[in-house]
N, C-alpha and C. Protein backbone atom coordinates (compact mmCIF):
# COMPACT_ATOMS: atom_id res chain seq x y z
N MET A 1 25.04 33.81 -26.65
CA MET A 1 24.70 32.36 -26.98
C MET A 1 24.73 31.47 -25.77
N LYS A 2 25.97 31.56 -25.03
CA LYS A 2 26.07 30.71 -23.81
C LYS A 2 25.36 31.09 -22.77
N TYR A 3 25.02 32.51 -22.59
CA TYR A 3 24.12 32.96 -21.69
C TYR A 3 22.71 32.30 -21.78
N MET A 4 22.28 32.51 -23.18
CA MET A 4 20.94 31.94 -23.42
C MET A 4 20.71 30.53 -23.22
N ILE A 5 21.91 29.55 -23.45
CA ILE A 5 21.62 28.27 -23.15
C ILE A 5 21.76 27.84 -21.80
N VAL A 6 22.27 28.81 -20.73
CA VAL A 6 22.35 28.64 -19.48
C VAL A 6 21.01 28.90 -18.89
N LYS A 7 20.34 29.99 -19.57
CA LYS A 7 19.13 30.55 -19.01
C LYS A 7 18.01 29.65 -19.37
N ILE A 8 18.15 28.81 -20.40
CA ILE A 8 17.13 27.93 -21.07
C ILE A 8 17.26 26.60 -19.91
N ILE A 9 18.53 26.46 -19.59
CA ILE A 9 18.77 24.90 -18.86
C ILE A 9 18.08 25.36 -17.30
N ILE A 10 18.22 26.52 -17.08
CA ILE A 10 17.85 26.93 -15.54
C ILE A 10 16.26 27.02 -15.62
N ILE A 11 15.61 27.55 -16.75
CA ILE A 11 14.20 27.48 -16.89
C ILE A 11 13.71 25.99 -16.75
N ILE A 12 14.40 25.35 -17.47
CA ILE A 12 13.73 23.87 -17.64
C ILE A 12 13.94 23.04 -16.21
N ILE A 13 15.08 23.41 -15.58
CA ILE A 13 15.24 22.82 -14.19
C ILE A 13 14.06 23.49 -13.17
N VAL A 14 13.79 24.65 -13.40
CA VAL A 14 12.77 25.21 -12.45
C VAL A 14 11.39 24.70 -12.69
N LEU A 15 11.16 24.40 -13.97
CA LEU A 15 9.83 23.96 -14.47
C LEU A 15 9.73 22.54 -13.91
N LEU A 16 10.69 21.74 -14.11
CA LEU A 16 10.80 20.27 -13.53
C LEU A 16 10.74 20.38 -11.92
N VAL A 17 11.31 21.19 -11.43
CA VAL A 17 11.12 21.16 -9.94
C VAL A 17 9.57 21.69 -9.52
N ILE A 18 9.06 22.68 -10.19
CA ILE A 18 7.70 22.88 -9.91
C ILE A 18 6.81 21.72 -10.27
N LEU A 19 7.12 20.95 -11.28
CA LEU A 19 6.17 19.79 -11.86
C LEU A 19 6.19 18.71 -10.85
N VAL A 20 7.44 18.42 -10.26
CA VAL A 20 7.67 17.35 -9.28
C VAL A 20 6.98 17.57 -7.93
N PHE A 21 7.22 18.80 -7.44
CA PHE A 21 6.54 19.11 -6.17
C PHE A 21 5.07 19.39 -6.41
N GLY A 22 4.68 19.83 -7.61
CA GLY A 22 3.12 20.12 -7.72
C GLY A 22 2.42 18.96 -7.78
N ILE A 23 2.92 17.86 -8.42
CA ILE A 23 2.30 16.37 -8.47
C ILE A 23 2.30 15.86 -7.04
N ASN A 24 3.43 16.00 -6.48
CA ASN A 24 3.51 15.60 -4.97
C ASN A 24 2.27 16.29 -4.05
N PHE A 25 2.25 17.65 -4.35
CA PHE A 25 1.32 18.32 -3.57
C PHE A 25 -0.19 17.74 -3.72
N TYR A 26 -0.37 17.51 -5.17
CA TYR A 26 -1.75 17.12 -5.69
C TYR A 26 -2.09 15.85 -5.16
N VAL A 27 -1.10 14.76 -5.20
CA VAL A 27 -1.31 13.49 -4.70
C VAL A 27 -1.91 13.54 -3.20
N LYS A 28 -1.25 14.38 -2.43
CA LYS A 28 -1.20 14.20 -0.91
C LYS A 28 -2.67 15.02 -0.66
N ALA A 29 -2.92 16.13 -1.33
CA ALA A 29 -3.98 16.88 -0.98
C ALA A 29 -5.36 16.14 -1.62
N SER A 30 -5.42 15.61 -2.47
CA SER A 30 -6.55 14.74 -3.22
C SER A 30 -6.84 13.53 -2.33
N THR A 31 -5.97 13.01 -1.40
CA THR A 31 -6.20 11.89 -0.64
C THR A 31 -6.31 11.98 0.76
N LYS A 32 -5.87 13.18 1.36
CA LYS A 32 -5.86 13.53 2.68
C LYS A 32 -7.30 13.05 3.43
N LYS A 33 -8.24 13.44 2.80
CA LYS A 33 -9.62 13.22 3.64
C LYS A 33 -9.99 11.72 3.59
N GLN A 34 -9.22 10.78 3.04
CA GLN A 34 -9.55 9.47 2.98
C GLN A 34 -8.59 8.74 4.26
N ILE A 35 -7.75 9.46 4.71
CA ILE A 35 -7.15 8.97 5.90
C ILE A 35 -8.00 8.96 7.22
N ILE A 36 -8.23 7.97 7.90
CA ILE A 36 -8.84 7.84 9.00
C ILE A 36 -7.99 7.88 10.28
N ASP A 37 -8.27 9.00 10.99
CA ASP A 37 -7.30 9.13 12.20
C ASP A 37 -8.26 9.20 13.52
N ASN A 38 -9.56 8.86 13.68
CA ASN A 38 -10.33 8.73 15.01
C ASN A 38 -11.16 7.53 14.81
N GLU A 39 -11.60 7.19 15.90
CA GLU A 39 -12.46 6.06 16.22
C GLU A 39 -13.80 6.20 15.61
N SER A 40 -14.39 7.40 15.63
CA SER A 40 -15.74 7.60 15.14
C SER A 40 -15.82 7.39 13.77
N GLU A 41 -14.71 7.76 12.86
CA GLU A 41 -14.86 7.63 11.49
C GLU A 41 -14.68 6.32 11.21
N LEU A 42 -14.03 5.52 11.97
CA LEU A 42 -13.52 4.21 11.65
C LEU A 42 -14.85 3.32 11.89
N SER A 43 -15.60 3.69 12.95
CA SER A 43 -16.68 2.89 13.20
C SER A 43 -17.97 3.05 12.47
N ASN A 44 -17.94 4.28 11.64
CA ASN A 44 -19.05 4.59 10.72
C ASN A 44 -18.90 3.76 9.39
N LEU A 45 -17.49 3.04 9.23
CA LEU A 45 -17.46 2.25 8.00
C LEU A 45 -18.33 1.05 8.06
N SER A 46 -18.56 0.66 6.90
CA SER A 46 -19.41 -0.62 6.79
C SER A 46 -18.97 -1.51 5.46
N ASP A 47 -19.46 -2.57 5.40
CA ASP A 47 -19.06 -3.44 4.29
C ASP A 47 -17.74 -3.32 3.61
N VAL A 48 -16.77 -3.24 4.39
CA VAL A 48 -15.45 -3.32 3.80
C VAL A 48 -14.89 -4.54 3.51
N ASP A 49 -14.51 -4.91 2.38
CA ASP A 49 -14.24 -6.27 1.76
C ASP A 49 -12.99 -6.71 2.45
N CYS A 50 -12.11 -5.87 2.80
CA CYS A 50 -10.80 -6.48 3.16
C CYS A 50 -9.98 -5.21 3.88
N ILE A 51 -8.80 -5.73 4.57
CA ILE A 51 -7.93 -4.83 5.24
C ILE A 51 -6.72 -5.26 4.53
N LEU A 52 -6.07 -4.49 3.59
CA LEU A 52 -4.86 -4.66 2.84
C LEU A 52 -3.84 -4.20 3.60
N ILE A 53 -2.65 -5.25 3.81
CA ILE A 53 -1.59 -4.80 4.63
C ILE A 53 -0.34 -4.87 3.64
N LEU A 54 0.30 -3.80 3.30
CA LEU A 54 1.48 -3.74 2.23
C LEU A 54 2.61 -4.27 2.80
N GLY A 55 3.39 -5.12 2.26
CA GLY A 55 4.63 -5.58 2.69
C GLY A 55 5.73 -4.63 2.86
N ALA A 56 6.55 -4.62 3.72
CA ALA A 56 7.68 -3.75 4.13
C ALA A 56 9.09 -4.36 4.37
N GLY A 57 9.39 -5.52 3.89
CA GLY A 57 10.50 -6.14 4.06
C GLY A 57 10.39 -7.02 5.35
N VAL A 58 11.37 -8.26 5.29
CA VAL A 58 11.62 -9.08 6.39
C VAL A 58 13.06 -9.27 6.42
N ARG A 59 13.46 -9.63 7.73
CA ARG A 59 14.78 -9.78 8.40
C ARG A 59 14.82 -11.02 9.17
N ASN A 60 15.74 -12.06 8.68
CA ASN A 60 15.93 -13.16 9.72
C ASN A 60 14.50 -13.87 9.92
N ASN A 61 13.72 -14.04 8.91
CA ASN A 61 12.38 -14.85 8.79
C ASN A 61 11.45 -14.01 9.87
N ALA A 62 11.57 -12.57 10.03
CA ALA A 62 10.50 -12.02 10.90
C ALA A 62 10.38 -10.61 10.15
N PRO A 63 9.35 -9.96 10.53
CA PRO A 63 9.01 -8.69 9.89
C PRO A 63 9.82 -7.53 10.33
N SER A 64 10.08 -6.73 9.28
CA SER A 64 11.02 -5.46 9.83
C SER A 64 10.03 -4.54 10.73
N PRO A 65 10.77 -3.64 11.43
CA PRO A 65 9.83 -3.02 12.42
C PRO A 65 8.70 -2.10 11.80
N MET A 66 8.90 -1.60 10.52
CA MET A 66 7.80 -0.88 9.90
C MET A 66 6.68 -1.97 9.47
N LEU A 67 7.10 -3.25 8.78
CA LEU A 67 6.11 -4.17 8.60
C LEU A 67 5.53 -4.80 9.87
N GLU A 68 6.19 -5.02 10.96
CA GLU A 68 5.34 -5.43 12.18
C GLU A 68 4.49 -4.43 12.68
N ASP A 69 4.65 -3.08 12.62
CA ASP A 69 3.58 -1.94 12.82
C ASP A 69 2.42 -2.12 11.88
N ARG A 70 2.72 -2.50 10.67
CA ARG A 70 1.59 -2.53 9.82
C ARG A 70 0.71 -3.83 10.14
N LEU A 71 1.22 -4.83 10.58
CA LEU A 71 0.69 -6.01 10.84
C LEU A 71 -0.15 -5.79 12.26
N LEU A 72 0.36 -5.34 13.04
CA LEU A 72 -0.15 -4.98 14.39
C LEU A 72 -1.49 -4.15 14.17
N LYS A 73 -1.41 -2.92 13.31
CA LYS A 73 -2.27 -2.16 13.14
C LYS A 73 -3.54 -2.94 12.40
N GLY A 74 -3.14 -3.82 11.40
CA GLY A 74 -4.15 -4.57 10.67
C GLY A 74 -4.79 -5.41 11.52
N ILE A 75 -4.18 -6.22 12.37
CA ILE A 75 -4.74 -7.14 13.28
C ILE A 75 -5.72 -6.30 14.21
N GLU A 76 -5.22 -5.16 14.76
CA GLU A 76 -6.16 -4.37 15.49
C GLU A 76 -7.52 -4.10 14.83
N LEU A 77 -7.39 -3.68 13.62
CA LEU A 77 -8.74 -3.21 12.78
C LEU A 77 -9.60 -4.66 12.74
N TYR A 78 -8.97 -5.66 12.26
CA TYR A 78 -9.55 -7.06 12.05
C TYR A 78 -10.38 -7.48 13.58
N ASN A 79 -9.60 -7.07 14.66
CA ASN A 79 -10.33 -7.38 16.07
C ASN A 79 -11.53 -6.46 16.33
N LYS A 80 -11.45 -5.37 15.79
CA LYS A 80 -12.47 -4.51 15.80
C LYS A 80 -13.66 -4.64 14.81
N ASN A 81 -13.62 -5.62 14.16
CA ASN A 81 -14.70 -6.08 13.20
C ASN A 81 -14.73 -5.01 12.02
N ILE A 82 -13.79 -4.33 11.64
CA ILE A 82 -13.78 -3.40 10.51
C ILE A 82 -13.94 -4.11 9.25
N SER A 83 -13.34 -5.35 9.31
CA SER A 83 -13.45 -6.23 8.19
C SER A 83 -12.94 -7.64 8.75
N ASN A 84 -13.54 -8.76 8.23
CA ASN A 84 -13.21 -9.93 8.57
C ASN A 84 -12.23 -10.77 7.54
N LYS A 85 -11.76 -9.88 6.67
CA LYS A 85 -10.63 -10.52 5.84
C LYS A 85 -9.49 -9.54 5.62
N ILE A 86 -8.48 -10.25 5.71
CA ILE A 86 -7.15 -9.59 5.40
C ILE A 86 -6.29 -10.06 4.19
N ILE A 87 -5.78 -8.95 3.43
CA ILE A 87 -4.98 -9.47 2.28
C ILE A 87 -3.36 -9.02 2.72
N MET A 88 -2.55 -9.96 2.80
CA MET A 88 -1.14 -9.82 3.02
C MET A 88 -0.47 -9.69 1.53
N SER A 89 0.03 -8.46 1.24
CA SER A 89 0.56 -8.28 -0.12
C SER A 89 2.03 -7.87 0.04
N GLY A 90 2.89 -8.80 -0.56
CA GLY A 90 4.43 -8.35 -0.47
C GLY A 90 5.08 -9.25 -1.55
N ASP A 91 6.36 -9.19 -1.34
CA ASP A 91 7.30 -9.97 -2.39
C ASP A 91 7.49 -11.35 -2.05
N HIS A 92 7.15 -12.27 -2.78
CA HIS A 92 7.38 -13.66 -2.85
C HIS A 92 7.79 -13.97 -4.22
N GLY A 93 8.73 -13.25 -5.02
CA GLY A 93 9.12 -13.59 -6.41
C GLY A 93 10.17 -14.51 -6.24
N ARG A 94 10.85 -14.91 -5.09
CA ARG A 94 11.99 -15.95 -5.20
C ARG A 94 11.82 -16.81 -3.90
N GLU A 95 12.17 -17.91 -4.05
CA GLU A 95 11.82 -19.16 -3.03
C GLU A 95 12.52 -18.65 -1.86
N GLU A 96 13.65 -18.01 -1.96
CA GLU A 96 14.55 -17.63 -0.62
C GLU A 96 14.01 -16.33 0.00
N TYR A 97 13.08 -15.69 -0.57
CA TYR A 97 12.54 -14.46 0.00
C TYR A 97 10.98 -14.45 0.11
N ASP A 98 10.52 -14.35 0.97
CA ASP A 98 8.88 -14.72 1.35
C ASP A 98 8.47 -13.71 2.44
N GLU A 99 7.92 -12.54 1.88
CA GLU A 99 7.33 -11.74 2.92
C GLU A 99 5.99 -12.16 3.36
N VAL A 100 5.25 -12.71 2.45
CA VAL A 100 3.72 -12.92 2.68
C VAL A 100 3.56 -14.10 3.75
N ASN A 101 4.24 -15.16 3.64
CA ASN A 101 4.14 -16.21 4.57
C ASN A 101 4.42 -15.84 5.98
N ILE A 102 5.55 -15.04 5.90
CA ILE A 102 5.99 -14.50 7.26
C ILE A 102 4.84 -13.53 8.05
N MET A 103 4.41 -12.66 7.05
CA MET A 103 3.28 -11.93 7.52
C MET A 103 1.93 -12.60 7.88
N LYS A 104 1.65 -13.68 7.15
CA LYS A 104 0.65 -14.62 7.59
C LYS A 104 0.87 -15.27 8.89
N ASP A 105 2.12 -15.89 9.08
CA ASP A 105 2.45 -16.53 10.25
C ASP A 105 2.27 -15.78 11.39
N PHE A 106 2.64 -14.40 11.36
CA PHE A 106 2.65 -13.50 12.35
C PHE A 106 1.16 -13.31 12.78
N ALA A 107 0.34 -12.90 12.03
CA ALA A 107 -1.21 -12.87 12.01
C ALA A 107 -1.73 -14.05 12.88
N ILE A 108 -1.37 -15.27 12.16
CA ILE A 108 -2.02 -16.50 13.01
C ILE A 108 -1.52 -16.57 14.45
N ASP A 109 -0.16 -16.18 14.56
CA ASP A 109 0.49 -16.26 16.04
C ASP A 109 -0.46 -15.34 17.05
N LYS A 110 -1.03 -14.28 16.29
CA LYS A 110 -1.77 -13.25 17.11
C LYS A 110 -3.43 -13.57 17.37
N GLY A 111 -3.64 -14.90 16.73
CA GLY A 111 -5.08 -15.21 16.95
C GLY A 111 -5.86 -15.23 15.76
N ILE A 112 -5.33 -14.74 14.59
CA ILE A 112 -6.17 -14.63 13.35
C ILE A 112 -6.39 -15.86 12.74
N GLU A 113 -7.67 -16.08 12.17
CA GLU A 113 -8.07 -17.32 11.72
C GLU A 113 -7.21 -17.32 10.26
N SER A 114 -6.69 -18.59 9.97
CA SER A 114 -5.74 -18.96 8.80
C SER A 114 -6.74 -18.56 7.47
N GLU A 115 -7.91 -18.95 7.61
CA GLU A 115 -8.96 -18.74 6.48
C GLU A 115 -9.29 -17.36 6.32
N ASP A 116 -9.25 -16.46 7.16
CA ASP A 116 -9.46 -15.25 6.84
C ASP A 116 -8.34 -14.37 6.38
N ILE A 117 -7.16 -14.99 6.12
CA ILE A 117 -5.82 -14.36 5.58
C ILE A 117 -5.57 -14.82 4.12
N PHE A 118 -5.51 -13.86 3.23
CA PHE A 118 -5.43 -14.18 1.85
C PHE A 118 -3.65 -13.75 1.88
N MET A 119 -3.19 -14.31 0.88
CA MET A 119 -1.63 -13.87 0.50
C MET A 119 -1.47 -13.51 -0.83
N ASP A 120 -1.24 -12.31 -1.05
CA ASP A 120 -0.75 -11.85 -2.52
C ASP A 120 0.78 -12.12 -2.65
N HIS A 121 1.18 -13.08 -3.33
CA HIS A 121 2.53 -13.38 -3.44
C HIS A 121 3.15 -12.62 -4.55
N ALA A 122 2.55 -11.85 -5.22
CA ALA A 122 3.12 -11.05 -6.40
C ALA A 122 2.96 -9.53 -6.24
N GLY A 123 2.88 -9.03 -4.88
CA GLY A 123 2.63 -7.63 -4.59
C GLY A 123 4.09 -7.08 -4.74
N PHE A 124 4.72 -6.82 -5.85
CA PHE A 124 6.10 -6.49 -5.89
C PHE A 124 6.34 -4.85 -5.76
N SER A 125 5.20 -4.18 -5.77
CA SER A 125 5.10 -2.81 -5.69
C SER A 125 3.77 -2.16 -5.00
N THR A 126 3.65 -1.06 -4.59
CA THR A 126 2.20 -0.57 -3.97
C THR A 126 1.42 -0.67 -5.29
N TYR A 127 1.77 -0.18 -6.48
CA TYR A 127 0.93 -0.11 -7.69
C TYR A 127 0.32 -1.59 -7.84
N GLU A 128 1.08 -2.50 -7.97
CA GLU A 128 0.84 -3.79 -8.22
C GLU A 128 0.04 -4.55 -6.93
N SER A 129 0.49 -4.28 -5.85
CA SER A 129 -0.56 -4.77 -4.81
C SER A 129 -1.91 -4.27 -4.83
N ILE A 130 -2.14 -3.23 -5.21
CA ILE A 130 -3.51 -2.46 -5.17
C ILE A 130 -4.17 -2.83 -6.60
N TYR A 131 -3.57 -3.11 -7.43
CA TYR A 131 -4.16 -3.47 -8.71
C TYR A 131 -4.49 -4.98 -8.70
N ARG A 132 -3.74 -5.80 -8.04
CA ARG A 132 -4.11 -7.10 -7.94
C ARG A 132 -5.32 -7.36 -6.84
N THR A 133 -5.23 -6.50 -5.99
CA THR A 133 -6.14 -6.33 -4.89
C THR A 133 -7.69 -6.28 -5.51
N LYS A 134 -7.71 -5.48 -6.61
CA LYS A 134 -9.14 -5.41 -7.17
C LYS A 134 -9.25 -6.44 -8.20
N GLU A 135 -8.34 -6.68 -9.12
CA GLU A 135 -8.38 -7.68 -10.19
C GLU A 135 -8.56 -9.26 -9.81
N ILE A 136 -7.55 -9.35 -8.90
CA ILE A 136 -7.38 -10.96 -8.49
C ILE A 136 -8.28 -11.14 -7.33
N PHE A 137 -8.43 -10.37 -6.34
CA PHE A 137 -9.22 -10.63 -5.12
C PHE A 137 -10.60 -9.95 -5.20
N GLU A 138 -10.87 -9.18 -6.11
CA GLU A 138 -12.09 -8.71 -6.50
C GLU A 138 -12.61 -7.86 -5.32
N ALA A 139 -11.74 -7.06 -4.56
CA ALA A 139 -12.08 -6.23 -3.62
C ALA A 139 -12.65 -4.79 -4.05
N LYS A 140 -13.60 -4.27 -3.50
CA LYS A 140 -14.24 -2.99 -4.10
C LYS A 140 -13.97 -2.00 -3.17
N LYS A 141 -13.96 -2.23 -1.79
CA LYS A 141 -14.05 -1.33 -0.64
C LYS A 141 -13.12 -1.82 0.15
N ILE A 142 -11.95 -1.23 0.42
CA ILE A 142 -10.75 -1.37 1.41
C ILE A 142 -10.32 -0.51 2.38
N ILE A 143 -9.57 -1.23 3.30
CA ILE A 143 -8.76 -0.34 4.36
C ILE A 143 -7.39 -0.62 4.01
N ILE A 144 -6.59 0.34 3.63
CA ILE A 144 -5.19 0.14 3.33
C ILE A 144 -4.40 0.51 4.54
N VAL A 145 -3.62 -0.37 5.02
CA VAL A 145 -2.62 -0.28 6.39
C VAL A 145 -1.25 0.01 5.86
N THR A 146 -0.73 1.19 6.17
CA THR A 146 0.74 1.20 5.89
C THR A 146 1.11 2.56 6.85
N GLN A 147 2.51 3.00 6.76
CA GLN A 147 2.71 4.24 7.51
C GLN A 147 2.19 5.44 6.66
N SER A 148 2.02 6.45 7.56
CA SER A 148 1.33 7.53 7.03
C SER A 148 1.97 8.34 5.76
N TYR A 149 3.50 8.19 5.69
CA TYR A 149 3.94 9.05 4.36
C TYR A 149 3.62 8.14 3.23
N HIS A 150 3.37 7.03 3.13
CA HIS A 150 3.06 6.05 2.29
C HIS A 150 1.49 6.05 1.92
N LEU A 151 0.74 6.20 2.82
CA LEU A 151 -0.71 6.31 2.44
C LEU A 151 -1.24 7.10 1.36
N TYR A 152 -0.56 8.16 1.30
CA TYR A 152 -1.17 9.20 0.29
C TYR A 152 -1.11 8.45 -1.19
N ARG A 153 0.11 7.97 -1.41
CA ARG A 153 0.34 7.35 -2.80
C ARG A 153 -0.49 6.05 -2.93
N ALA A 154 -0.47 5.34 -1.97
CA ALA A 154 -1.38 4.00 -2.04
C ALA A 154 -2.85 4.33 -2.29
N LEU A 155 -3.57 5.43 -1.59
CA LEU A 155 -4.64 5.80 -1.48
C LEU A 155 -5.08 6.54 -3.15
N TYR A 156 -4.04 7.10 -3.55
CA TYR A 156 -4.21 7.69 -5.07
C TYR A 156 -4.28 6.61 -6.01
N ILE A 157 -3.52 5.62 -6.02
CA ILE A 157 -3.37 4.50 -7.04
C ILE A 157 -4.86 3.77 -7.00
N ALA A 158 -5.24 3.65 -5.56
CA ALA A 158 -6.56 2.86 -5.47
C ALA A 158 -7.83 3.88 -5.97
N ASN A 159 -7.59 5.14 -5.87
CA ASN A 159 -8.64 6.04 -6.46
C ASN A 159 -8.57 5.76 -8.02
N SER A 160 -7.45 5.86 -8.65
CA SER A 160 -7.22 5.71 -9.82
C SER A 160 -7.70 4.35 -10.60
N LEU A 161 -7.70 3.39 -9.83
CA LEU A 161 -8.24 2.24 -10.12
C LEU A 161 -9.49 1.97 -10.10
N GLY A 162 -10.17 2.75 -9.47
CA GLY A 162 -11.61 2.71 -9.13
C GLY A 162 -11.91 1.92 -7.84
N ILE A 163 -11.28 2.01 -7.01
CA ILE A 163 -11.56 1.18 -5.72
C ILE A 163 -11.75 2.28 -4.58
N GLU A 164 -12.85 1.94 -3.88
CA GLU A 164 -13.20 2.85 -2.67
C GLU A 164 -12.21 2.29 -1.72
N ALA A 165 -11.27 3.36 -1.12
CA ALA A 165 -10.31 3.08 -0.19
C ALA A 165 -10.20 4.18 0.76
N TYR A 166 -9.72 3.43 1.91
CA TYR A 166 -9.59 4.55 3.06
C TYR A 166 -8.17 4.14 3.76
N GLY A 167 -7.63 4.82 4.45
CA GLY A 167 -6.27 4.61 4.86
C GLY A 167 -6.37 4.74 6.47
N VAL A 168 -5.43 3.71 6.98
CA VAL A 168 -5.06 4.02 8.49
C VAL A 168 -3.55 3.92 8.60
N SER A 169 -3.23 4.59 9.34
CA SER A 169 -1.59 4.89 9.52
C SER A 169 -1.35 3.69 10.59
N ALA A 170 -0.22 3.34 10.37
CA ALA A 170 0.58 2.31 11.14
C ALA A 170 1.87 2.83 11.66
N ASP A 171 1.96 4.19 12.23
CA ASP A 171 3.11 4.62 12.76
C ASP A 171 3.08 4.43 14.15
N LEU A 172 3.71 3.49 14.55
CA LEU A 172 3.44 2.88 16.01
C LEU A 172 4.81 3.22 16.95
N ARG A 173 6.00 3.80 16.06
CA ARG A 173 7.17 4.11 16.46
C ARG A 173 7.89 5.16 15.76
N THR A 174 8.98 5.56 16.26
CA THR A 174 9.96 6.25 15.41
C THR A 174 10.85 5.35 14.53
N TYR A 175 10.98 5.63 13.16
CA TYR A 175 11.72 4.72 12.18
C TYR A 175 13.13 5.39 11.82
N THR A 176 14.02 4.76 11.70
CA THR A 176 15.41 5.29 11.23
C THR A 176 15.27 5.73 9.98
N ASN A 177 16.09 6.51 9.50
CA ASN A 177 16.26 7.07 8.11
C ASN A 177 14.93 7.46 7.56
N GLN A 178 14.14 8.10 8.47
CA GLN A 178 12.73 8.59 7.77
C GLN A 178 12.66 9.72 6.95
N LEU A 179 13.73 10.42 7.22
CA LEU A 179 13.91 11.61 6.09
C LEU A 179 14.32 11.26 4.80
N SER A 180 15.30 10.32 4.51
CA SER A 180 15.49 9.88 3.25
C SER A 180 14.32 9.23 2.79
N ARG A 181 13.48 8.35 3.52
CA ARG A 181 12.32 7.70 2.92
C ARG A 181 11.15 8.66 2.51
N GLU A 182 11.26 9.91 3.27
CA GLU A 182 10.19 10.89 2.72
C GLU A 182 10.53 11.39 1.39
N ILE A 183 11.93 11.72 1.25
CA ILE A 183 12.51 12.29 0.13
C ILE A 183 12.22 11.34 -1.07
N ARG A 184 12.37 9.97 -1.01
CA ARG A 184 12.34 9.15 -1.87
C ARG A 184 10.82 9.06 -2.37
N GLU A 185 10.05 9.27 -1.42
CA GLU A 185 8.52 9.03 -1.53
C GLU A 185 8.06 10.27 -2.45
N ILE A 186 8.56 11.21 -2.38
CA ILE A 186 8.28 12.42 -3.42
C ILE A 186 8.44 11.95 -4.69
N VAL A 187 9.40 11.19 -5.00
CA VAL A 187 9.69 10.84 -6.60
C VAL A 187 8.84 9.50 -6.67
N ALA A 188 8.50 8.66 -5.72
CA ALA A 188 7.69 7.69 -6.01
C ALA A 188 6.23 8.01 -6.27
N ARG A 189 5.80 9.30 -5.48
CA ARG A 189 4.47 9.64 -5.98
C ARG A 189 4.38 10.13 -7.48
N ASP A 190 5.42 11.03 -7.80
CA ASP A 190 5.49 11.40 -9.19
C ASP A 190 5.39 10.17 -10.07
N LYS A 191 6.24 9.11 -10.03
CA LYS A 191 6.34 8.04 -10.71
C LYS A 191 4.92 7.25 -10.98
N ASP A 192 4.32 7.02 -9.64
CA ASP A 192 2.97 6.40 -9.78
C ASP A 192 1.81 7.37 -10.19
N PHE A 193 1.99 8.64 -10.26
CA PHE A 193 0.97 9.42 -10.77
C PHE A 193 1.08 9.28 -12.21
N ILE A 194 2.30 9.27 -12.85
CA ILE A 194 2.36 8.98 -14.21
C ILE A 194 1.77 7.58 -14.60
N LYS A 195 2.16 6.49 -13.84
CA LYS A 195 1.75 4.96 -14.01
C LYS A 195 0.16 4.95 -13.96
N CYS A 196 -0.35 5.73 -13.11
CA CYS A 196 -1.88 5.81 -13.11
C CYS A 196 -2.47 6.35 -14.25
N ILE A 197 -1.80 6.99 -15.07
CA ILE A 197 -2.47 7.66 -16.26
C ILE A 197 -2.54 6.48 -17.27
N TYR A 198 -1.57 5.55 -17.41
CA TYR A 198 -1.46 4.73 -18.28
C TYR A 198 -2.06 3.33 -17.74
N LYS A 199 -2.15 3.03 -16.60
CA LYS A 199 -2.53 2.00 -15.90
C LYS A 199 -2.02 0.63 -16.55
N PRO A 200 -0.83 0.44 -16.45
CA PRO A 200 -0.16 -0.78 -16.74
C PRO A 200 -0.64 -1.98 -16.03
N LYS A 201 -0.52 -3.12 -16.63
CA LYS A 201 -1.03 -4.34 -15.97
C LYS A 201 0.26 -4.79 -15.05
N PRO A 202 0.12 -5.48 -13.82
CA PRO A 202 1.20 -5.80 -13.16
C PRO A 202 1.84 -6.88 -13.66
N THR A 203 2.99 -7.27 -12.94
CA THR A 203 3.97 -8.35 -13.56
C THR A 203 3.15 -9.76 -13.70
N TYR A 204 2.22 -10.11 -12.91
CA TYR A 204 1.33 -11.13 -12.84
C TYR A 204 -0.02 -10.99 -12.64
N LEU A 205 -0.94 -11.53 -13.26
CA LEU A 205 -2.34 -11.47 -12.94
C LEU A 205 -2.75 -12.85 -12.70
N GLY A 206 -3.78 -13.59 -13.43
CA GLY A 206 -4.08 -14.94 -13.01
C GLY A 206 -5.57 -15.00 -12.70
N ASP A 207 -5.94 -16.28 -12.35
CA ASP A 207 -7.22 -16.48 -11.92
C ASP A 207 -7.55 -15.72 -10.78
N THR A 208 -8.99 -15.36 -10.63
CA THR A 208 -9.56 -14.63 -9.72
C THR A 208 -9.61 -15.32 -8.34
N ILE A 209 -9.46 -14.91 -7.07
CA ILE A 209 -9.59 -15.57 -5.93
C ILE A 209 -10.24 -14.55 -4.99
N PRO A 210 -11.63 -14.67 -4.97
CA PRO A 210 -12.45 -13.50 -4.37
C PRO A 210 -12.28 -13.65 -2.83
N VAL A 211 -12.10 -12.31 -2.26
CA VAL A 211 -11.52 -12.29 -0.97
C VAL A 211 -12.65 -12.53 -0.09
N SER A 212 -13.97 -12.76 -0.57
CA SER A 212 -14.88 -13.18 0.29
C SER A 212 -14.93 -14.72 0.61
N GLY A 213 -14.05 -15.40 -0.13
CA GLY A 213 -13.87 -17.00 0.24
C GLY A 213 -13.04 -17.23 1.31
N ASN A 214 -12.30 -18.32 1.06
CA ASN A 214 -11.48 -18.94 2.01
C ASN A 214 -9.78 -18.62 1.72
N GLY A 215 -9.15 -17.92 2.58
CA GLY A 215 -7.73 -17.37 2.27
C GLY A 215 -6.86 -18.42 2.19
N ASP A 216 -7.33 -19.61 2.73
CA ASP A 216 -6.12 -20.79 2.68
C ASP A 216 -6.01 -21.43 1.21
N ILE A 217 -6.85 -21.02 0.32
CA ILE A 217 -6.61 -21.18 -1.08
C ILE A 217 -5.32 -20.46 -1.68
N THR A 218 -4.75 -19.52 -1.03
CA THR A 218 -3.55 -18.77 -1.30
C THR A 218 -2.32 -19.54 -0.79
N ASN A 219 -2.45 -20.48 0.10
CA ASN A 219 -1.17 -21.14 0.93
C ASN A 219 -0.52 -21.68 -0.20
N ASP A 220 0.86 -21.93 0.19
CA ASP A 220 1.64 -22.54 -0.94
C ASP A 220 2.60 -23.49 -0.15
């Protein structure tokens, strides 16, 4: 009897491992072709509603290294006329913690027009950022800018929500603790895979703010 219980537990563990890594593989394989890694593919894109830059933490009122690279890559795409609108999506759920204004200020300092920058103050997760990009900002065709390990999940969410999305990697340097980040991302892909089946609403929705308009309406 004891042997049978151990055997069942081992089978369950093996099945769970297969499921976790199987979903991870599927998420990556199904979105790989949407990641743009050369100039010719990029130049072939047209009618892109916006460049979506996902938040990645701020420190001492400045972008973290990962976030700075996302901003630099997004600004580069803007300057190449891939799209004339940028959405800065991040966490501004508390007065004392504000990713999006720091992101916008960084872009303005680099010469981007304020009216071309929209702030999503309630981008508390990758899923919520992309959901709100569609429902609040009414974007239908987007470029997502983040590090390569994160692009697969972001693109999968966009696909599930009916957005035409392409990804551009912002890996401009080597990041510390990347291995642990990669491991956590496997679990995050599985979690958002399940979330995309049920498609829950984000923490906040609200009135629409078309990304085709003036980004200064999102200033606070």
